[in-house]
């Protein structure tokens, strides 16, 4: 019976933390959740693929560097969120209400997700898993579309 109580307690804590994060992040919750999930999957598949590569396998240096890279990705989304807040503040100062809250942060998170998906697929290929031939082009196209949208946005701001 104590095991069930501990399990219920764990479920309650996970639900509370997830609800708090979803409430704090709002519309940014889904992209951030998917980004972290992709980070974890990429890290695990990268570890599995390292034994199949010619570069020498797993090392603590590469592993720590990978974790730091993932955390830095999260910070990049934070920078996007800061830019979004500055845009909202500036637009409010001139009396204009922007129709979005976290546009830049969402685009950054989606771009990171695309990069992670490409890396996951490459890891799977290195492991020896046959992936459907249409997957990589779809992810590449999505990444290119996101990059073009970001470039178009900055080009229109520079005009």
N, C-alpha and C. Protein backbone atom coordinates (compact mmCIF):
# COMPACT_ATOMS: atom_id res chain seq x y z
N UNK A 1 0.82 -1.19 0.00
CA UNK A 1 0.00 0.00 0.00
C UNK A 1 0.87 1.26 0.00
N UNK A 2 2.02 1.20 0.68
CA UNK A 2 2.90 2.36 0.72
C UNK A 2 3.46 2.68 -0.66
N UNK A 3 3.71 1.64 -1.46
CA UNK A 3 4.21 1.88 -2.81
C UNK A 3 3.19 2.67 -3.62
N UNK A 4 1.94 2.33 -3.49
CA UNK A 4 0.90 3.03 -4.23
C UNK A 4 0.81 4.49 -3.79
N UNK A 5 0.96 4.75 -2.50
CA UNK A 5 0.93 6.12 -2.01
C UNK A 5 2.12 6.90 -2.55
N UNK A 6 3.29 6.30 -2.62
CA UNK A 6 4.46 6.97 -3.17
C UNK A 6 4.26 7.25 -4.65
N UNK A 7 3.65 6.30 -5.36
CA UNK A 7 3.38 6.49 -6.78
C UNK A 7 2.38 7.62 -6.99
N UNK A 8 1.33 7.65 -6.17
CA UNK A 8 0.35 8.74 -6.26
C UNK A 8 0.99 10.08 -5.94
N UNK A 9 1.88 10.10 -4.97
CA UNK A 9 2.58 11.33 -4.61
C UNK A 9 3.45 11.80 -5.77
N UNK A 10 4.17 10.88 -6.40
CA UNK A 10 5.01 11.22 -7.55
C UNK A 10 4.16 11.77 -8.69
N UNK A 11 3.03 11.12 -8.96
CA UNK A 11 2.12 11.61 -10.00
C UNK A 11 1.62 13.02 -9.67
N UNK A 12 1.30 13.26 -8.42
CA UNK A 12 0.80 14.58 -8.01
C UNK A 12 1.89 15.65 -8.18
N UNK A 13 3.12 15.31 -7.83
CA UNK A 13 4.23 16.27 -7.97
C UNK A 13 4.48 16.56 -9.45
N UNK A 14 4.51 15.52 -10.28
CA UNK A 14 4.72 15.71 -11.72
C UNK A 14 3.60 16.56 -12.31
N UNK A 15 2.36 16.28 -11.92
CA UNK A 15 1.22 17.04 -12.41
C UNK A 15 1.31 18.50 -11.98
N UNK A 16 1.69 18.73 -10.73
CA UNK A 16 1.80 20.11 -10.22
C UNK A 16 2.90 20.89 -10.94
N UNK A 17 4.06 20.26 -11.11
CA UNK A 17 5.17 20.93 -11.79
C UNK A 17 4.82 21.20 -13.25
N UNK A 18 4.24 20.22 -13.91
CA UNK A 18 3.84 20.39 -15.31
C UNK A 18 2.80 21.49 -15.45
N UNK A 19 1.82 21.51 -14.57
CA UNK A 19 0.79 22.55 -14.60
C UNK A 19 1.37 23.93 -14.36
N UNK A 20 2.31 24.02 -13.41
CA UNK A 20 2.94 25.30 -13.12
C UNK A 20 3.72 25.81 -14.33
N UNK A 21 4.50 24.92 -14.96
CA UNK A 21 5.27 25.31 -16.13
C UNK A 21 4.36 25.72 -17.28
N UNK A 22 3.30 24.96 -17.51
CA UNK A 22 2.35 25.29 -18.58
C UNK A 22 1.70 26.64 -18.31
N UNK A 23 1.39 26.92 -17.06
CA UNK A 23 0.78 28.20 -16.70
C UNK A 23 1.76 29.35 -16.89
N UNK A 24 3.00 29.15 -16.52
CA UNK A 24 4.01 30.20 -16.65
C UNK A 24 4.36 30.48 -18.10
N UNK A 25 4.49 29.43 -18.90
CA UNK A 25 4.94 29.58 -20.28
C UNK A 25 3.83 29.90 -21.26
N UNK A 26 2.60 29.58 -20.92
CA UNK A 26 1.48 29.86 -21.82
C UNK A 26 1.66 29.18 -23.16
N UNK A 27 1.55 29.95 -24.23
CA UNK A 27 1.63 29.41 -25.59
C UNK A 27 3.00 28.80 -25.88
N UNK A 28 3.99 29.18 -25.12
CA UNK A 28 5.35 28.67 -25.33
C UNK A 28 5.53 27.27 -24.73
N UNK A 29 4.54 26.80 -23.97
CA UNK A 29 4.65 25.51 -23.27
C UNK A 29 4.88 24.35 -24.24
N UNK A 30 4.08 24.23 -25.28
CA UNK A 30 4.18 23.08 -26.19
C UNK A 30 5.53 23.05 -26.91
N UNK A 31 5.98 24.16 -27.53
CA UNK A 31 7.29 24.10 -28.18
C UNK A 31 8.43 23.79 -27.20
N UNK A 32 8.37 24.35 -26.00
CA UNK A 32 9.44 24.09 -25.03
C UNK A 32 9.40 22.64 -24.58
N UNK A 33 8.22 22.12 -24.33
CA UNK A 33 8.09 20.71 -23.94
C UNK A 33 8.64 19.79 -25.03
N UNK A 34 8.25 20.06 -26.29
CA UNK A 34 8.74 19.24 -27.40
C UNK A 34 10.25 19.39 -27.58
N UNK A 35 10.77 20.59 -27.36
CA UNK A 35 12.21 20.82 -27.49
C UNK A 35 12.98 20.01 -26.44
N UNK A 36 12.53 20.05 -25.20
CA UNK A 36 13.20 19.29 -24.14
C UNK A 36 13.09 17.79 -24.40
N UNK A 37 11.93 17.35 -24.85
CA UNK A 37 11.75 15.94 -25.20
C UNK A 37 12.71 15.53 -26.32
N UNK A 38 12.81 16.37 -27.35
CA UNK A 38 13.75 16.08 -28.45
C UNK A 38 15.20 16.12 -27.97
N UNK A 39 15.53 17.05 -27.05
CA UNK A 39 16.87 17.09 -26.48
C UNK A 39 17.22 15.77 -25.81
N UNK A 40 16.29 15.25 -25.03
CA UNK A 40 16.53 14.00 -24.31
C UNK A 40 16.67 12.83 -25.29
N UNK A 41 15.77 12.75 -26.27
CA UNK A 41 15.83 11.67 -27.26
C UNK A 41 17.13 11.76 -28.06
N UNK A 42 17.53 12.98 -28.45
CA UNK A 42 18.77 13.15 -29.21
C UNK A 42 19.98 12.73 -28.38
N UNK A 43 19.99 13.08 -27.10
CA UNK A 43 21.11 12.71 -26.24
C UNK A 43 21.21 11.19 -26.12
N UNK A 44 20.07 10.54 -25.88
CA UNK A 44 20.06 9.08 -25.72
C UNK A 44 20.45 8.39 -27.02
N UNK A 45 19.87 8.82 -28.15
CA UNK A 45 20.23 8.19 -29.42
C UNK A 45 21.67 8.51 -29.80
N UNK A 46 22.17 9.68 -29.40
CA UNK A 46 23.57 10.01 -29.65
C UNK A 46 24.51 9.10 -28.89
N UNK A 47 24.15 8.80 -27.63
CA UNK A 47 24.95 7.85 -26.85
C UNK A 47 24.92 6.47 -27.50
N UNK A 48 23.74 6.05 -27.94
CA UNK A 48 23.62 4.72 -28.58
C UNK A 48 24.39 4.67 -29.89
N UNK A 49 24.37 5.78 -30.64
CA UNK A 49 25.04 5.80 -31.95
C UNK A 49 26.55 5.94 -31.82
N UNK A 50 27.04 6.43 -30.70
CA UNK A 50 28.48 6.68 -30.56
C UNK A 50 29.30 5.40 -30.70
N UNK A 51 28.76 4.28 -30.32
CA UNK A 51 29.46 3.02 -30.47
C UNK A 51 29.55 2.53 -31.91
N UNK A 52 28.73 3.12 -32.77
CA UNK A 52 28.70 2.71 -34.18
C UNK A 52 29.47 3.67 -35.08
N UNK A 53 30.07 4.69 -34.49
CA UNK A 53 30.79 5.70 -35.28
C UNK A 53 32.28 5.45 -35.20
N UNK A 54 33.00 6.03 -36.14
CA UNK A 54 34.46 5.85 -36.22
C UNK A 54 35.23 6.82 -35.33
N UNK A 55 34.53 7.71 -34.63
CA UNK A 55 35.22 8.75 -33.87
C UNK A 55 35.61 8.34 -32.45
N UNK A 56 35.49 7.09 -32.10
CA UNK A 56 36.02 6.64 -30.83
C UNK A 56 35.01 6.36 -29.74
N UNK A 57 33.73 6.51 -29.97
CA UNK A 57 32.74 6.16 -28.96
C UNK A 57 32.46 7.26 -27.95
N UNK A 58 32.02 6.84 -26.78
CA UNK A 58 31.58 7.76 -25.73
C UNK A 58 32.78 8.27 -24.94
N UNK A 59 32.78 9.58 -24.68
CA UNK A 59 33.77 10.14 -23.76
C UNK A 59 33.06 11.11 -22.83
N UNK A 60 33.58 11.28 -21.63
CA UNK A 60 32.94 12.18 -20.68
C UNK A 60 32.98 13.62 -21.17
N UNK A 61 34.03 13.98 -21.89
CA UNK A 61 34.14 15.34 -22.42
C UNK A 61 33.02 15.61 -23.43
N UNK A 62 32.83 14.67 -24.37
CA UNK A 62 31.77 14.84 -25.36
C UNK A 62 30.40 14.86 -24.70
N UNK A 63 30.24 14.01 -23.70
CA UNK A 63 28.96 13.92 -23.01
C UNK A 63 28.63 15.22 -22.29
N UNK A 64 29.57 15.76 -21.56
CA UNK A 64 29.36 17.03 -20.85
C UNK A 64 29.14 18.16 -21.83
N UNK A 65 29.91 18.16 -22.91
CA UNK A 65 29.74 19.18 -23.94
C UNK A 65 28.33 19.10 -24.55
N UNK A 66 27.82 17.91 -24.73
CA UNK A 66 26.47 17.73 -25.24
C UNK A 66 25.41 18.28 -24.30
N UNK A 67 25.58 18.02 -23.00
CA UNK A 67 24.63 18.54 -22.01
C UNK A 67 24.68 20.07 -22.00
N UNK A 68 25.86 20.63 -22.02
CA UNK A 68 26.00 22.09 -22.04
C UNK A 68 25.34 22.67 -23.29
N UNK A 69 25.51 22.01 -24.41
CA UNK A 69 24.89 22.46 -25.66
C UNK A 69 23.36 22.46 -25.53
N UNK A 70 22.80 21.43 -24.92
CA UNK A 70 21.34 21.36 -24.75
C UNK A 70 20.85 22.48 -23.84
N UNK A 71 21.54 22.71 -22.74
CA UNK A 71 21.14 23.78 -21.81
C UNK A 71 21.25 25.14 -22.50
N UNK A 72 22.27 25.32 -23.32
CA UNK A 72 22.44 26.57 -24.05
C UNK A 72 21.29 26.76 -25.04
N UNK A 73 20.77 25.69 -25.61
CA UNK A 73 19.60 25.79 -26.48
C UNK A 73 18.41 26.36 -25.71
N UNK A 74 18.24 25.90 -24.46
CA UNK A 74 17.15 26.41 -23.65
C UNK A 74 17.34 27.91 -23.40
N UNK A 75 18.59 28.31 -23.18
CA UNK A 75 18.88 29.73 -22.97
C UNK A 75 18.57 30.54 -24.22
N UNK A 76 18.80 29.95 -25.39
CA UNK A 76 18.49 30.64 -26.64
C UNK A 76 16.99 30.92 -26.76
N UNK A 77 16.16 29.99 -26.32
CA UNK A 77 14.72 30.22 -26.29
C UNK A 77 14.40 31.34 -25.29
N UNK A 78 15.13 31.36 -24.18
CA UNK A 78 14.97 32.45 -23.21
C UNK A 78 15.30 33.80 -23.81
N UNK A 79 16.36 33.85 -24.61
CA UNK A 79 16.72 35.09 -25.30
C UNK A 79 15.58 35.50 -26.24
N UNK A 80 15.01 34.53 -26.96
CA UNK A 80 13.85 34.82 -27.81
C UNK A 80 12.69 35.39 -27.01
N UNK A 81 12.47 34.84 -25.81
CA UNK A 81 11.41 35.34 -24.94
C UNK A 81 11.68 36.76 -24.47
N UNK A 82 12.94 37.06 -24.19
CA UNK A 82 13.31 38.42 -23.79
C UNK A 82 13.06 39.39 -24.94
N UNK A 83 13.44 38.98 -26.15
CA UNK A 83 13.18 39.82 -27.34
C UNK A 83 11.67 40.04 -27.49
N UNK A 84 10.88 38.99 -27.30
CA UNK A 84 9.42 39.13 -27.38
C UNK A 84 8.91 40.15 -26.36
N UNK A 85 9.42 40.07 -25.14
CA UNK A 85 8.96 41.00 -24.11
C UNK A 85 9.37 42.44 -24.43
N UNK A 86 10.56 42.61 -24.99
CA UNK A 86 10.99 43.95 -25.40
C UNK A 86 10.10 44.49 -26.52
N UNK A 87 9.75 43.63 -27.48
CA UNK A 87 8.85 44.05 -28.56
C UNK A 87 7.48 44.46 -28.01
N UNK A 88 6.96 43.69 -27.07
CA UNK A 88 5.67 44.00 -26.46
C UNK A 88 5.76 45.32 -25.70
N UNK A 89 6.82 45.51 -24.94
CA UNK A 89 7.01 46.74 -24.18
C UNK A 89 7.10 47.95 -25.11
N UNK A 90 7.90 47.83 -26.18
CA UNK A 90 8.07 48.94 -27.11
C UNK A 90 6.76 49.24 -27.84
N UNK A 91 6.05 48.21 -28.25
CA UNK A 91 4.79 48.45 -28.96
C UNK A 91 3.75 49.07 -28.02
N UNK A 92 3.71 48.64 -26.77
CA UNK A 92 2.80 49.26 -25.80
C UNK A 92 3.14 50.73 -25.59
N UNK A 93 4.44 51.05 -25.62
CA UNK A 93 4.88 52.43 -25.40
C UNK A 93 4.37 53.36 -26.51
N UNK A 94 4.19 52.81 -27.72
CA UNK A 94 3.69 53.65 -28.82
C UNK A 94 2.19 53.46 -29.03
N UNK A 95 1.56 52.70 -28.15
CA UNK A 95 0.11 52.53 -28.20
C UNK A 95 -0.39 51.48 -29.17
N UNK A 96 0.46 50.52 -29.51
CA UNK A 96 0.06 49.45 -30.43
C UNK A 96 0.08 48.13 -29.68
N UNK A 97 -0.98 47.36 -29.82
CA UNK A 97 -1.05 46.04 -29.16
C UNK A 97 -0.64 44.97 -30.16
N UNK A 98 0.44 44.25 -29.87
CA UNK A 98 0.88 43.16 -30.74
C UNK A 98 -0.07 41.98 -30.60
N UNK A 99 -0.35 41.28 -31.69
CA UNK A 99 -1.28 40.15 -31.64
C UNK A 99 -0.65 38.84 -31.16
N UNK A 100 0.56 38.90 -30.62
CA UNK A 100 1.25 37.69 -30.18
C UNK A 100 2.00 37.98 -28.88
N UNK A 101 2.37 36.91 -28.19
CA UNK A 101 3.15 37.08 -26.96
C UNK A 101 4.56 36.52 -27.10
N UNK A 102 4.70 35.31 -27.59
CA UNK A 102 6.02 34.67 -27.66
C UNK A 102 6.33 34.19 -29.07
N UNK A 103 6.26 35.06 -30.04
CA UNK A 103 6.50 34.67 -31.42
C UNK A 103 7.97 34.30 -31.66
N UNK A 104 8.90 35.15 -31.26
CA UNK A 104 10.33 34.90 -31.50
C UNK A 104 10.77 33.64 -30.75
N UNK A 105 10.38 33.51 -29.51
CA UNK A 105 10.76 32.34 -28.71
C UNK A 105 10.19 31.05 -29.31
N UNK A 106 8.95 31.09 -29.82
CA UNK A 106 8.35 29.91 -30.46
C UNK A 106 9.11 29.54 -31.72
N UNK A 107 9.46 30.53 -32.53
CA UNK A 107 10.20 30.25 -33.77
C UNK A 107 11.57 29.65 -33.45
N UNK A 108 12.24 30.20 -32.43
CA UNK A 108 13.54 29.66 -32.02
C UNK A 108 13.38 28.22 -31.55
N UNK A 109 12.37 27.96 -30.73
CA UNK A 109 12.15 26.60 -30.22
C UNK A 109 11.85 25.63 -31.36
N UNK A 110 11.03 26.04 -32.32
CA UNK A 110 10.71 25.16 -33.45
C UNK A 110 11.94 24.90 -34.29
N UNK A 111 12.77 25.92 -34.48
CA UNK A 111 14.02 25.74 -35.23
C UNK A 111 14.93 24.73 -34.52
N UNK A 112 15.02 24.85 -33.20
CA UNK A 112 15.84 23.90 -32.41
C UNK A 112 15.26 22.50 -32.52
N UNK A 113 13.93 22.38 -32.44
CA UNK A 113 13.28 21.07 -32.57
C UNK A 113 13.64 20.44 -33.92
N UNK A 114 13.60 21.23 -34.98
CA UNK A 114 13.96 20.70 -36.31
C UNK A 114 15.40 20.19 -36.33
N UNK A 115 16.32 20.97 -35.76
CA UNK A 115 17.72 20.53 -35.68
C UNK A 115 17.85 19.24 -34.89
N UNK A 116 17.13 19.15 -33.79
CA UNK A 116 17.18 17.95 -32.96
C UNK A 116 16.60 16.75 -33.71
N UNK A 117 15.50 16.95 -34.43
CA UNK A 117 14.91 15.86 -35.20
C UNK A 117 15.88 15.34 -36.26
N UNK A 118 16.56 16.27 -36.93
CA UNK A 118 17.56 15.87 -37.92
C UNK A 118 18.67 15.05 -37.25
N UNK A 119 19.12 15.51 -36.09
CA UNK A 119 20.17 14.80 -35.36
C UNK A 119 19.70 13.42 -34.90
N UNK A 120 18.45 13.34 -34.43
CA UNK A 120 17.90 12.05 -34.01
C UNK A 120 17.86 11.08 -35.18
N UNK A 121 17.40 11.56 -36.34
CA UNK A 121 17.35 10.70 -37.52
C UNK A 121 18.75 10.26 -37.94
N UNK A 122 19.71 11.19 -37.89
CA UNK A 122 21.10 10.83 -38.23
C UNK A 122 21.65 9.80 -37.25
N UNK A 123 21.34 9.95 -35.96
CA UNK A 123 21.78 8.98 -34.96
C UNK A 123 21.20 7.60 -35.25
N UNK A 124 19.92 7.59 -35.61
CA UNK A 124 19.27 6.31 -35.92
C UNK A 124 19.90 5.65 -37.14
N UNK A 125 20.22 6.46 -38.14
CA UNK A 125 20.89 5.93 -39.32
C UNK A 125 22.24 5.34 -38.94
N UNK A 126 23.00 6.06 -38.07
CA UNK A 126 24.29 5.56 -37.61
C UNK A 126 24.17 4.26 -36.83
N UNK A 127 23.09 4.11 -36.08
CA UNK A 127 22.86 2.88 -35.33
C UNK A 127 22.56 1.72 -36.27
N UNK A 128 22.02 2.04 -37.45
CA UNK A 128 21.71 1.01 -38.42
C UNK A 128 20.22 0.82 -38.63
N UNK A 129 19.42 1.75 -38.12
CA UNK A 129 17.97 1.66 -38.27
C UNK A 129 17.60 2.25 -39.64
N UNK A 130 16.79 1.54 -40.37
CA UNK A 130 16.28 2.05 -41.64
C UNK A 130 15.13 3.01 -41.34
N UNK A 131 15.29 4.26 -41.76
CA UNK A 131 14.22 5.22 -41.57
C UNK A 131 13.50 5.41 -42.90
N UNK A 132 12.22 5.74 -42.85
CA UNK A 132 11.50 5.98 -44.10
C UNK A 132 12.19 7.11 -44.88
N UNK A 133 12.36 6.95 -46.17
CA UNK A 133 13.13 7.93 -46.95
C UNK A 133 12.51 9.32 -46.99
N UNK A 134 11.23 9.45 -46.68
CA UNK A 134 10.59 10.76 -46.75
C UNK A 134 10.78 11.60 -45.49
N UNK A 135 11.24 10.98 -44.38
CA UNK A 135 11.34 11.72 -43.11
C UNK A 135 12.36 12.84 -43.15
N UNK A 136 13.57 12.55 -43.56
CA UNK A 136 14.64 13.56 -43.54
C UNK A 136 14.28 14.77 -44.41
N UNK A 137 13.79 14.56 -45.65
CA UNK A 137 13.41 15.74 -46.45
C UNK A 137 12.31 16.59 -45.81
N UNK A 138 11.35 15.94 -45.14
CA UNK A 138 10.28 16.69 -44.48
C UNK A 138 10.87 17.59 -43.40
N UNK A 139 11.73 17.04 -42.56
CA UNK A 139 12.32 17.83 -41.47
C UNK A 139 13.22 18.92 -42.04
N UNK A 140 14.01 18.59 -43.06
CA UNK A 140 14.86 19.60 -43.71
C UNK A 140 14.02 20.74 -44.27
N UNK A 141 12.91 20.41 -44.91
CA UNK A 141 12.02 21.43 -45.50
C UNK A 141 11.41 22.30 -44.41
N UNK A 142 10.99 21.70 -43.32
CA UNK A 142 10.43 22.45 -42.20
C UNK A 142 11.47 23.42 -41.64
N UNK A 143 12.69 22.94 -41.46
CA UNK A 143 13.77 23.79 -40.95
C UNK A 143 14.03 24.95 -41.91
N UNK A 144 14.10 24.66 -43.20
CA UNK A 144 14.35 25.70 -44.20
C UNK A 144 13.22 26.73 -44.20
N UNK A 145 11.98 26.26 -44.08
CA UNK A 145 10.83 27.16 -44.04
C UNK A 145 10.90 28.08 -42.83
N UNK A 146 11.25 27.54 -41.67
CA UNK A 146 11.39 28.34 -40.45
C UNK A 146 12.50 29.37 -40.63
N UNK A 147 13.64 28.94 -41.19
CA UNK A 147 14.75 29.87 -41.40
C UNK A 147 14.36 30.98 -42.37
N UNK A 148 13.65 30.64 -43.45
CA UNK A 148 13.22 31.66 -44.41
C UNK A 148 12.24 32.63 -43.76
N UNK A 149 11.33 32.12 -42.95
CA UNK A 149 10.37 32.99 -42.27
C UNK A 149 11.10 33.96 -41.33
N UNK A 150 12.08 33.45 -40.61
CA UNK A 150 12.87 34.31 -39.73
C UNK A 150 13.67 35.34 -40.51
N UNK A 151 14.25 34.92 -41.62
CA UNK A 151 15.01 35.86 -42.45
C UNK A 151 14.10 36.90 -43.08
N UNK A 152 12.92 36.51 -43.52
CA UNK A 152 11.97 37.46 -44.11
C UNK A 152 11.54 38.49 -43.07
N UNK A 153 11.34 38.04 -41.84
CA UNK A 153 10.94 38.94 -40.76
C UNK A 153 12.04 39.97 -40.49
N UNK A 154 13.28 39.53 -40.43
CA UNK A 154 14.37 40.48 -40.15
C UNK A 154 14.62 41.37 -41.36
N UNK A 155 14.42 40.85 -42.58
CA UNK A 155 14.60 41.68 -43.78
C UNK A 155 13.55 42.79 -43.82
N UNK A 156 12.30 42.47 -43.44
CA UNK A 156 11.26 43.48 -43.47
C UNK A 156 11.48 44.53 -42.37
N UNK A 157 12.09 44.13 -41.26
CA UNK A 157 12.39 45.09 -40.19
C UNK A 157 13.53 46.01 -40.60
N UNK A 158 14.45 45.54 -41.44
CA UNK A 158 15.59 46.36 -41.86
C UNK A 158 15.21 47.35 -42.96
N UNK A 159 14.06 47.13 -43.62
CA UNK A 159 13.64 48.04 -44.71
C UNK A 159 13.15 49.37 -44.17
